[in-house]
Amino acid sequence: MLYLFGIKNCDNVRRTAKFLKTNQINYIFHDFRESPVNKSIIQSWIDAGATVKELFNTRGTRYRTLKLKEHILSDDDKIEWMAKENMLIKRPVLMLSGTVVVGYNEKQMCQLFPDQVLSK
């Protein structure tokens, strides 16, 4: 089963959901605000090939509000922060059978579902 992690009002999450619906790809949506992800889920994304650098959102409001730029954070520190503050996770995160896609990436999504994606 395909899981889409993010928040409802994120433009990239909406774009990803639209892509999936257009191509009739079923998914389960996991809203960070309604049900935060924990460290073990974040670690499973990393184990599936995502990097901490990909996952840790340094462009968002939460990052600036917490003034994390002022700190020297290790990868372990960033994982801890993402688990405490899910808004620090770059959105969306797609997870399917041990494969993960971070951010809106239509090319990678097409590669995940080569037989289902409608031609343009």
C-alpha atoms as a PDB file:
ATOM      1  CA  MET A   1       0.000   0.000   0.000  1.00  0.00           C
ATOM      2  CA  LEU A   2       1.124   3.531  -0.780  1.00  0.00           C
ATOM      3  CA  TYR A   3       1.288   6.022   2.078  1.00  0.00           C
ATOM      4  CA  LEU A   4       1.270   9.785   1.545  1.00  0.00           C
ATOM      5  CA  PHE A   5       2.593  11.730   4.552  1.00  0.00           C
ATOM      6  CA  GLY A   6       2.117  15.475   4.911  1.00  0.00           C
ATOM      7  CA  ILE A   7      -0.451  18.112   5.806  1.00  0.00           C
ATOM      8  CA  LYS A   8      -3.670  18.922   3.980  1.00  0.00           C
ATOM      9  CA  ASN A   9      -2.909  22.561   3.213  1.00  0.00           C
ATOM     10  CA  CYS A  10       0.577  22.013   1.730  1.00  0.00           C
ATOM     11  CA  ASP A  11       0.715  22.808  -1.995  1.00  0.00           C
ATOM     12  CA  ASN A  12       3.139  19.982  -2.755  1.00  0.00           C
ATOM     13  CA  VAL A  13       1.012  17.476  -0.861  1.00  0.00           C
ATOM     14  CA  ARG A  14      -2.048  18.619  -2.834  1.00  0.00           C
ATOM     15  CA  ARG A  15      -0.125  18.358  -6.124  1.00  0.00           C
ATOM     16  CA  THR A  16       0.992  14.839  -5.211  1.00  0.00           C
ATOM     17  CA  ALA A  17      -2.546  13.804  -4.221  1.00  0.00           C
ATOM     18  CA  LYS A  18      -3.863  15.204  -7.507  1.00  0.00           C
ATOM     19  CA  PHE A  19      -1.235  13.252  -9.469  1.00  0.00           C
ATOM     20  CA  LEU A  20      -2.166  10.050  -7.648  1.00  0.00           C
ATOM     21  CA  LYS A  21      -5.907  10.572  -8.139  1.00  0.00           C
ATOM     22  CA  THR A  22      -5.490  11.470 -11.815  1.00  0.00           C
ATOM     23  CA  ASN A  23      -3.595   8.237 -12.345  1.00  0.00           C
ATOM     24  CA  GLN A  24      -6.053   6.229 -10.230  1.00  0.00           C
ATOM     25  CA  ILE A  25      -3.374   5.234  -7.718  1.00  0.00           C
ATOM     26  CA  ASN A  26      -4.803   4.368  -4.312  1.00  0.00           C
ATOM     27  CA  TYR A  27      -3.079   5.700  -1.228  1.00  0.00           C
ATOM     28  CA  ILE A  28      -3.553   6.246   2.475  1.00  0.00           C
ATOM     29  CA  PHE A  29      -3.062   9.839   3.635  1.00  0.00           C
ATOM     30  CA  HIS A  30      -1.287  10.395   6.944  1.00  0.00           C
ATOM     31  CA  ASP A  31      -1.674  13.951   8.262  1.00  0.00           C
ATOM     32  CA  PHE A  32       1.216  15.068  10.482  1.00  0.00           C
ATOM     33  CA  ARG A  33      -1.058  17.407  12.411  1.00  0.00           C
ATOM     34  CA  GLU A  34      -3.675  14.786  13.228  1.00  0.00           C
ATOM     35  CA  SER A  35      -1.244  11.963  13.948  1.00  0.00           C
ATOM     36  CA  PRO A  36       2.425  12.933  14.277  1.00  0.00           C
ATOM     37  CA  VAL A  37       5.063  10.496  13.070  1.00  0.00           C
ATOM     38  CA  ASN A  38       7.674   9.270  15.492  1.00  0.00           C
ATOM     39  CA  LYS A  39      11.387   8.617  15.286  1.00  0.00           C
ATOM     40  CA  SER A  40      10.952   4.995  14.164  1.00  0.00           C
ATOM     41  CA  ILE A  41       8.873   6.030  11.128  1.00  0.00           C
ATOM     42  CA  ILE A  42      11.435   8.682  10.201  1.00  0.00           C
ATOM     43  CA  GLN A  43      14.169   6.079  10.587  1.00  0.00           C
ATOM     44  CA  SER A  44      12.238   3.710   8.299  1.00  0.00           C
ATOM     45  CA  TRP A  45      12.277   6.407   5.590  1.00  0.00           C
ATOM     46  CA  ILE A  46      16.032   6.742   6.016  1.00  0.00           C
ATOM     47  CA  ASP A  47      16.453   2.962   5.917  1.00  0.00           C
ATOM     48  CA  ALA A  48      14.462   3.003   2.647  1.00  0.00           C
ATOM     49  CA  GLY A  49      16.927   5.413   1.071  1.00  0.00           C
ATOM     50  CA  ALA A  50      15.909   8.938   2.049  1.00  0.00           C
ATOM     51  CA  THR A  51      18.651  11.092   3.493  1.00  0.00           C
ATOM     52  CA  VAL A  52      18.358  13.272   6.564  1.00  0.00           C
ATOM     53  CA  LYS A  53      19.295  16.206   4.335  1.00  0.00           C
ATOM     54  CA  GLU A  54      16.333  15.432   2.045  1.00  0.00           C
ATOM     55  CA  LEU A  55      13.895  15.040   4.928  1.00  0.00           C
ATOM     56  CA  PHE A  56      14.940  17.986   7.103  1.00  0.00           C
ATOM     57  CA  ASN A  57      13.119  21.089   5.868  1.00  0.00           C
ATOM     58  CA  THR A  58      15.345  24.130   6.323  1.00  0.00           C
ATOM     59  CA  ARG A  59      13.100  26.370   4.198  1.00  0.00           C
ATOM     60  CA  GLY A  60       9.981  26.245   6.340  1.00  0.00           C
ATOM     61  CA  THR A  61       8.550  28.618   8.898  1.00  0.00           C
ATOM     62  CA  ARG A  62       9.028  26.144  11.742  1.00  0.00           C
ATOM     63  CA  TYR A  63      12.779  25.954  11.089  1.00  0.00           C
ATOM     64  CA  ARG A  64      13.052  29.748  11.238  1.00  0.00           C
ATOM     65  CA  THR A  65      10.774  30.063  14.278  1.00  0.00           C
ATOM     66  CA  LEU A  66      12.846  27.566  16.243  1.00  0.00           C
ATOM     67  CA  LYS A  67      16.040  29.340  15.132  1.00  0.00           C
ATOM     68  CA  LEU A  68      17.671  26.020  14.310  1.00  0.00           C
ATOM     69  CA  LYS A  69      20.055  27.668  11.868  1.00  0.00           C
ATOM     70  CA  GLU A  70      21.899  29.012  14.902  1.00  0.00           C
ATOM     71  CA  HIS A  71      22.693  25.463  16.055  1.00  0.00           C
ATOM     72  CA  ILE A  72      25.103  22.906  14.702  1.00  0.00           C
ATOM     73  CA  LEU A  73      22.894  19.843  14.383  1.00  0.00           C
ATOM     74  CA  SER A  74      24.096  16.322  13.692  1.00  0.00           C
ATOM     75  CA  ASP A  75      21.921  13.954  11.665  1.00  0.00           C
ATOM     76  CA  ASP A  76      20.776  12.338  14.914  1.00  0.00           C
ATOM     77  CA  ASP A  77      19.825  15.769  16.278  1.00  0.00           C
ATOM     78  CA  LYS A  78      17.831  16.507  13.114  1.00  0.00           C
ATOM     79  CA  ILE A  79      15.982  13.199  13.411  1.00  0.00           C
ATOM     80  CA  GLU A  80      15.116  14.027  17.028  1.00  0.00           C
ATOM     81  CA  TRP A  81      13.858  17.472  15.996  1.00  0.00           C
ATOM     82  CA  MET A  82      11.759  16.041  13.149  1.00  0.00           C
ATOM     83  CA  ALA A  83      10.182  13.551  15.569  1.00  0.00           C
ATOM     84  CA  LYS A  84       9.353  16.369  18.015  1.00  0.00           C
ATOM     85  CA  GLU A  85       8.301  18.875  15.343  1.00  0.00           C
ATOM     86  CA  ASN A  86       6.839  17.122  12.300  1.00  0.00           C
ATOM     87  CA  MET A  87       6.586  20.452  10.462  1.00  0.00           C
ATOM     88  CA  LEU A  88      10.377  20.177  10.074  1.00  0.00           C
ATOM     89  CA  ILE A  89       9.843  17.257   7.672  1.00  0.00           C
ATOM     90  CA  LYS A  90       9.903  18.146   4.004  1.00  0.00           C
ATOM     91  CA  ARG A  91       6.568  17.348   2.433  1.00  0.00           C
ATOM     92  CA  PRO A  92       5.234  15.174   1.029  1.00  0.00           C
ATOM     93  CA  VAL A  93       6.800  11.841   1.868  1.00  0.00           C
ATOM     94  CA  LEU A  94       5.592   8.884  -0.196  1.00  0.00           C
ATOM     95  CA  MET A  95       6.302   5.386   1.087  1.00  0.00           C
ATOM     96  CA  LEU A  96       5.675   2.213  -0.900  1.00  0.00           C
ATOM     97  CA  SER A  97       7.126  -1.213  -0.159  1.00  0.00           C
ATOM     98  CA  GLY A  98      10.470   0.005   1.119  1.00  0.00           C
ATOM     99  CA  THR A  99      10.770   2.829  -1.426  1.00  0.00           C
ATOM    100  CA  VAL A 100      10.496   6.455  -0.390  1.00  0.00           C
ATOM    101  CA  VAL A 101      10.048   9.683  -2.359  1.00  0.00           C
ATOM    102  CA  VAL A 102      10.557  13.005  -0.573  1.00  0.00           C
ATOM    103  CA  GLY A 103       9.003  16.186  -1.937  1.00  0.00           C
ATOM    104  CA  TYR A 104       6.921  16.537  -5.073  1.00  0.00           C
ATOM    105  CA  ASN A 105       8.840  14.641  -7.730  1.00  0.00           C
ATOM    106  CA  GLU A 106       6.691  13.611 -10.684  1.00  0.00           C
ATOM    107  CA  LYS A 107       9.538  11.757 -12.401  1.00  0.00           C
ATOM    108  CA  GLN A 108      10.122   9.522  -9.365  1.00  0.00           C
ATOM    109  CA  MET A 109       6.396   8.931  -8.956  1.00  0.00           C
ATOM    110  CA  CYS A 110       6.159   7.859 -12.609  1.00  0.00           C
ATOM    111  CA  GLN A 111       8.999   5.412 -11.988  1.00  0.00           C
ATOM    112  CA  LEU A 112       7.140   3.950  -8.986  1.00  0.00           C
ATOM    113  CA  PHE A 113       4.053   3.271 -11.106  1.00  0.00           C
ATOM    114  CA  PRO A 114       5.204   2.781 -14.708  1.00  0.00           C
ATOM    115  CA  ASP A 115       2.122   0.767 -15.683  1.00  0.00           C
ATOM    116  CA  GLN A 116      -0.418   3.063 -14.020  1.00  0.00           C
ATOM    117  CA  VAL A 117       0.696   6.557 -14.991  1.00  0.00           C
ATOM    118  CA  LEU A 118      -1.396   8.055 -17.751  1.00  0.00           C
ATOM    119  CA  SER A 119       0.646   9.413 -20.641  1.00  0.00           C
ATOM    120  CA  LYS A 120       0.684  13.160 -21.068  1.00  0.00           C
END
